[in-house]
């Protein structure tokens, strides 16, 4: 990666992480992480309504942060979308372990259809569901470009 691209990468990374973990969202993230750990460790644990609401709040907030970051860095500053994707992978796939993983596919299919039904009542249910189960470059770019 060229020096200029590294600086752009760091700028996007800083924006996303600063906004994703501002105090209120950090508190929600912590509650979500605790609920997900309990779910994985305790076969009898079921997500509470508060857990479900927190997961949806987190996914919704993070999707809004992604949209704003796309507008700032890709639409306005005209950074290369591939840099955005690299940062996305680094932060959303490799660093956090609450959303965007295969666990949610099983949860929706076998354990908690109610959470999936709650997601379907959000303003952008397809994207919020993908915030849980993960998305590829094509889906992310399509979603962010369409809402630019």
C-alpha atoms as a PDB file:
ATOM      1  CA  UNK A   1       0.000   0.000   0.000  1.00  0.00           C
ATOM      2  CA  UNK A   2       1.346   3.440  -0.921  1.00  0.00           C
ATOM      3  CA  UNK A   3       2.043   6.005   1.810  1.00  0.00           C
ATOM      4  CA  UNK A   4      -0.913   8.150   0.718  1.00  0.00           C
ATOM      5  CA  UNK A   5      -3.205   5.138   0.856  1.00  0.00           C
ATOM      6  CA  UNK A   6      -1.899   4.218   4.306  1.00  0.00           C
ATOM      7  CA  UNK A   7      -2.794   7.699   5.550  1.00  0.00           C
ATOM      8  CA  UNK A   8      -6.279   7.391   4.019  1.00  0.00           C
ATOM      9  CA  UNK A   9      -6.646   3.937   5.563  1.00  0.00           C
ATOM     10  CA  UNK A  10      -5.735   5.311   8.994  1.00  0.00           C
ATOM     11  CA  UNK A  11      -8.109   8.244   8.585  1.00  0.00           C
ATOM     12  CA  UNK A  12     -11.073   5.971   7.787  1.00  0.00           C
ATOM     13  CA  UNK A  13     -10.066   3.563  10.558  1.00  0.00           C
ATOM     14  CA  UNK A  14      -9.877   6.387  13.101  1.00  0.00           C
ATOM     15  CA  UNK A  15     -13.262   7.761  12.074  1.00  0.00           C
ATOM     16  CA  UNK A  16     -14.989   4.387  12.289  1.00  0.00           C
ATOM     17  CA  UNK A  17     -13.474   3.235  15.573  1.00  0.00           C
ATOM     18  CA  UNK A  18     -13.952   6.605  17.265  1.00  0.00           C
ATOM     19  CA  UNK A  19     -17.631   6.637  16.352  1.00  0.00           C
ATOM     20  CA  UNK A  20     -18.318   2.928  16.865  1.00  0.00           C
ATOM     21  CA  UNK A  21     -16.998   3.007  20.414  1.00  0.00           C
ATOM     22  CA  UNK A  22     -18.128   6.396  21.651  1.00  0.00           C
ATOM     23  CA  UNK A  23     -19.278   5.982  25.281  1.00  0.00           C
ATOM     24  CA  UNK A  24     -22.976   5.184  24.716  1.00  0.00           C
ATOM     25  CA  UNK A  25     -22.257   2.706  21.917  1.00  0.00           C
ATOM     26  CA  UNK A  26     -19.354   1.204  23.859  1.00  0.00           C
ATOM     27  CA  UNK A  27     -21.794   0.484  26.683  1.00  0.00           C
ATOM     28  CA  UNK A  28     -24.254  -1.161  24.280  1.00  0.00           C
ATOM     29  CA  UNK A  29     -21.411  -3.123  22.648  1.00  0.00           C
ATOM     30  CA  UNK A  30     -20.310  -4.405  26.065  1.00  0.00           C
ATOM     31  CA  UNK A  31     -23.853  -5.537  26.926  1.00  0.00           C
ATOM     32  CA  UNK A  32     -24.128  -7.268  23.546  1.00  0.00           C
ATOM     33  CA  UNK A  33     -20.770  -8.987  23.984  1.00  0.00           C
ATOM     34  CA  UNK A  34     -21.794 -10.221  27.437  1.00  0.00           C
ATOM     35  CA  UNK A  35     -25.108 -11.570  26.106  1.00  0.00           C
ATOM     36  CA  UNK A  36     -23.440 -13.285  23.172  1.00  0.00           C
ATOM     37  CA  UNK A  37     -20.801 -14.873  25.407  1.00  0.00           C
ATOM     38  CA  UNK A  38     -23.508 -16.104  27.778  1.00  0.00           C
ATOM     39  CA  UNK A  39     -25.483 -17.487  24.837  1.00  0.00           C
ATOM     40  CA  UNK A  40     -22.428 -19.377  23.595  1.00  0.00           C
ATOM     41  CA  UNK A  41     -21.489 -20.710  27.024  1.00  0.00           C
ATOM     42  CA  UNK A  42     -24.900 -21.601  28.432  1.00  0.00           C
ATOM     43  CA  UNK A  43     -27.132 -23.927  26.430  1.00  0.00           C
ATOM     44  CA  UNK A  44     -30.195 -22.779  28.403  1.00  0.00           C
ATOM     45  CA  UNK A  45     -29.617 -19.064  27.889  1.00  0.00           C
ATOM     46  CA  UNK A  46     -32.050 -17.197  25.680  1.00  0.00           C
ATOM     47  CA  UNK A  47     -31.653 -13.586  24.672  1.00  0.00           C
ATOM     48  CA  UNK A  48     -33.789 -11.215  26.718  1.00  0.00           C
ATOM     49  CA  UNK A  49     -35.821  -8.454  25.097  1.00  0.00           C
ATOM     50  CA  UNK A  50     -33.180  -6.017  26.337  1.00  0.00           C
ATOM     51  CA  UNK A  51     -30.446  -8.113  24.671  1.00  0.00           C
ATOM     52  CA  UNK A  52     -32.358  -8.155  21.394  1.00  0.00           C
ATOM     53  CA  UNK A  53     -32.986  -4.414  21.505  1.00  0.00           C
ATOM     54  CA  UNK A  54     -29.308  -3.780  22.241  1.00  0.00           C
ATOM     55  CA  UNK A  55     -28.192  -5.939  19.314  1.00  0.00           C
ATOM     56  CA  UNK A  56     -30.531  -4.068  16.976  1.00  0.00           C
ATOM     57  CA  UNK A  57     -29.425  -0.676  18.355  1.00  0.00           C
ATOM     58  CA  UNK A  58     -25.799  -1.620  17.805  1.00  0.00           C
ATOM     59  CA  UNK A  59     -26.365  -2.893  14.263  1.00  0.00           C
ATOM     60  CA  UNK A  60     -28.430   0.187  13.385  1.00  0.00           C
ATOM     61  CA  UNK A  61     -25.893   2.612  14.836  1.00  0.00           C
ATOM     62  CA  UNK A  62     -22.982   0.895  13.128  1.00  0.00           C
ATOM     63  CA  UNK A  63     -24.820   0.876   9.800  1.00  0.00           C
ATOM     64  CA  UNK A  64     -25.403   4.628  10.138  1.00  0.00           C
ATOM     65  CA  UNK A  65     -21.715   5.152  10.939  1.00  0.00           C
ATOM     66  CA  UNK A  66     -20.757   3.135   7.858  1.00  0.00           C
ATOM     67  CA  UNK A  67     -23.071   5.225   5.673  1.00  0.00           C
ATOM     68  CA  UNK A  68     -21.679   8.490   6.982  1.00  0.00           C
ATOM     69  CA  UNK A  69     -18.087   7.284   6.620  1.00  0.00           C
ATOM     70  CA  UNK A  70     -18.800   6.260   3.018  1.00  0.00           C
ATOM     71  CA  UNK A  71     -20.268   9.683   2.273  1.00  0.00           C
ATOM     72  CA  UNK A  72     -17.314  11.496   3.834  1.00  0.00           C
ATOM     73  CA  UNK A  73     -14.446   9.409   2.488  1.00  0.00           C
ATOM     74  CA  UNK A  74     -15.711   7.954  -0.778  1.00  0.00           C
ATOM     75  CA  UNK A  75     -18.284  10.440  -2.054  1.00  0.00           C
ATOM     76  CA  UNK A  76     -16.792  13.692  -0.787  1.00  0.00           C
ATOM     77  CA  UNK A  77     -13.058  13.025  -0.494  1.00  0.00           C
ATOM     78  CA  UNK A  78     -13.099  10.530  -3.376  1.00  0.00           C
ATOM     79  CA  UNK A  79     -10.959   7.915  -1.676  1.00  0.00           C
ATOM     80  CA  UNK A  80     -10.641   4.535  -3.357  1.00  0.00           C
ATOM     81  CA  UNK A  81     -13.502   2.252  -2.206  1.00  0.00           C
ATOM     82  CA  UNK A  82     -11.017  -0.618  -1.937  1.00  0.00           C
ATOM     83  CA  UNK A  83      -9.341   1.210   0.966  1.00  0.00           C
ATOM     84  CA  UNK A  84     -12.743   1.481   2.658  1.00  0.00           C
ATOM     85  CA  UNK A  85     -13.271  -2.267   2.182  1.00  0.00           C
ATOM     86  CA  UNK A  86      -9.855  -3.048   3.697  1.00  0.00           C
ATOM     87  CA  UNK A  87     -10.712  -0.983   6.770  1.00  0.00           C
ATOM     88  CA  UNK A  88     -14.167  -2.556   6.951  1.00  0.00           C
ATOM     89  CA  UNK A  89     -12.643  -6.061   7.038  1.00  0.00           C
ATOM     90  CA  UNK A  90     -10.084  -5.048   9.608  1.00  0.00           C
ATOM     91  CA  UNK A  91     -12.628  -3.485  11.979  1.00  0.00           C
ATOM     92  CA  UNK A  92     -15.911  -5.301  11.433  1.00  0.00           C
ATOM     93  CA  UNK A  93     -14.634  -8.799  10.702  1.00  0.00           C
ATOM     94  CA  UNK A  94     -11.322  -9.129  12.526  1.00  0.00           C
ATOM     95  CA  UNK A  95     -11.614  -6.857  15.582  1.00  0.00           C
ATOM     96  CA  UNK A  96     -15.127  -7.151  16.946  1.00  0.00           C
ATOM     97  CA  UNK A  97     -16.944 -10.370  17.732  1.00  0.00           C
ATOM     98  CA  UNK A  98     -20.543  -9.375  18.397  1.00  0.00           C
ATOM     99  CA  UNK A  99     -21.970  -8.904  14.916  1.00  0.00           C
ATOM    100  CA  UNK A 100     -21.065 -10.150  11.439  1.00  0.00           C
ATOM    101  CA  UNK A 101     -20.446 -13.803  12.036  1.00  0.00           C
ATOM    102  CA  UNK A 102     -21.982 -17.164  11.208  1.00  0.00           C
ATOM    103  CA  UNK A 103     -23.371 -17.611  14.721  1.00  0.00           C
ATOM    104  CA  UNK A 104     -26.300 -15.394  13.782  1.00  0.00           C
ATOM    105  CA  UNK A 105     -27.329 -17.596  10.870  1.00  0.00           C
ATOM    106  CA  UNK A 106     -27.840 -20.452  13.329  1.00  0.00           C
ATOM    107  CA  UNK A 107     -29.514 -18.175  15.882  1.00  0.00           C
ATOM    108  CA  UNK A 108     -32.044 -16.952  13.335  1.00  0.00           C
ATOM    109  CA  UNK A 109     -32.640 -20.426  11.934  1.00  0.00           C
ATOM    110  CA  UNK A 110     -32.818 -22.498  15.099  1.00  0.00           C
ATOM    111  CA  UNK A 111     -33.050 -20.471  18.287  1.00  0.00           C
ATOM    112  CA  UNK A 112     -34.484 -17.005  18.049  1.00  0.00           C
ATOM    113  CA  UNK A 113     -36.877 -16.225  15.226  1.00  0.00           C
ATOM    114  CA  UNK A 114     -38.233 -13.384  17.368  1.00  0.00           C
ATOM    115  CA  UNK A 115     -34.978 -11.446  16.976  1.00  0.00           C
ATOM    116  CA  UNK A 116     -35.141 -11.882  13.211  1.00  0.00           C
ATOM    117  CA  UNK A 117     -38.760 -10.679  13.253  1.00  0.00           C
ATOM    118  CA  UNK A 118     -37.681  -7.616  15.255  1.00  0.00           C
ATOM    119  CA  UNK A 119     -34.978  -6.906  12.665  1.00  0.00           C
ATOM    120  CA  UNK A 120     -37.568  -7.128   9.914  1.00  0.00           C
ATOM    121  CA  UNK A 121     -39.455  -4.246  11.559  1.00  0.00           C
ATOM    122  CA  UNK A 122     -36.478  -1.857  11.291  1.00  0.00           C
ATOM    123  CA  UNK A 123     -36.238   0.838   8.629  1.00  0.00           C
ATOM    124  CA  UNK A 124     -33.719  -1.154   6.567  1.00  0.00           C
ATOM    125  CA  UNK A 125     -34.200  -4.802   7.540  1.00  0.00           C
ATOM    126  CA  UNK A 126     -32.101  -6.366   4.775  1.00  0.00           C
ATOM    127  CA  UNK A 127     -29.037  -4.330   5.669  1.00  0.00           C
ATOM    128  CA  UNK A 128     -29.535  -4.717   9.421  1.00  0.00           C
ATOM    129  CA  UNK A 129     -29.772  -8.489   8.983  1.00  0.00           C
ATOM    130  CA  UNK A 130     -26.518  -8.378   7.014  1.00  0.00           C
ATOM    131  CA  UNK A 131     -24.948  -6.406   9.859  1.00  0.00           C
ATOM    132  CA  UNK A 132     -25.574  -9.554  11.921  1.00  0.00           C
ATOM    133  CA  UNK A 133     -24.604 -12.291   9.475  1.00  0.00           C
ATOM    134  CA  UNK A 134     -21.975 -10.425   7.453  1.00  0.00           C
ATOM    135  CA  UNK A 135     -21.778  -9.148   3.924  1.00  0.00           C
ATOM    136  CA  UNK A 136     -19.457  -9.203   0.992  1.00  0.00           C
ATOM    137  CA  UNK A 137     -17.874  -6.302  -0.867  1.00  0.00           C
ATOM    138  CA  UNK A 138     -20.581  -6.214  -3.524  1.00  0.00           C
ATOM    139  CA  UNK A 139     -23.407  -6.042  -0.968  1.00  0.00           C
ATOM    140  CA  UNK A 140     -21.664  -3.414   1.152  1.00  0.00           C
ATOM    141  CA  UNK A 141     -20.832  -1.216  -1.800  1.00  0.00           C
ATOM    142  CA  UNK A 142     -24.328  -1.527  -3.280  1.00  0.00           C
ATOM    143  CA  UNK A 143     -25.933  -0.587   0.040  1.00  0.00           C
ATOM    144  CA  UNK A 144     -23.658   2.380   0.665  1.00  0.00           C
ATOM    145  CA  UNK A 145     -23.758   3.722  -2.883  1.00  0.00           C
ATOM    146  CA  UNK A 146     -27.563   3.505  -2.971  1.00  0.00           C
ATOM    147  CA  UNK A 147     -27.855   5.550   0.206  1.00  0.00           C
ATOM    148  CA  UNK A 148     -25.290   8.169  -0.700  1.00  0.00           C
END
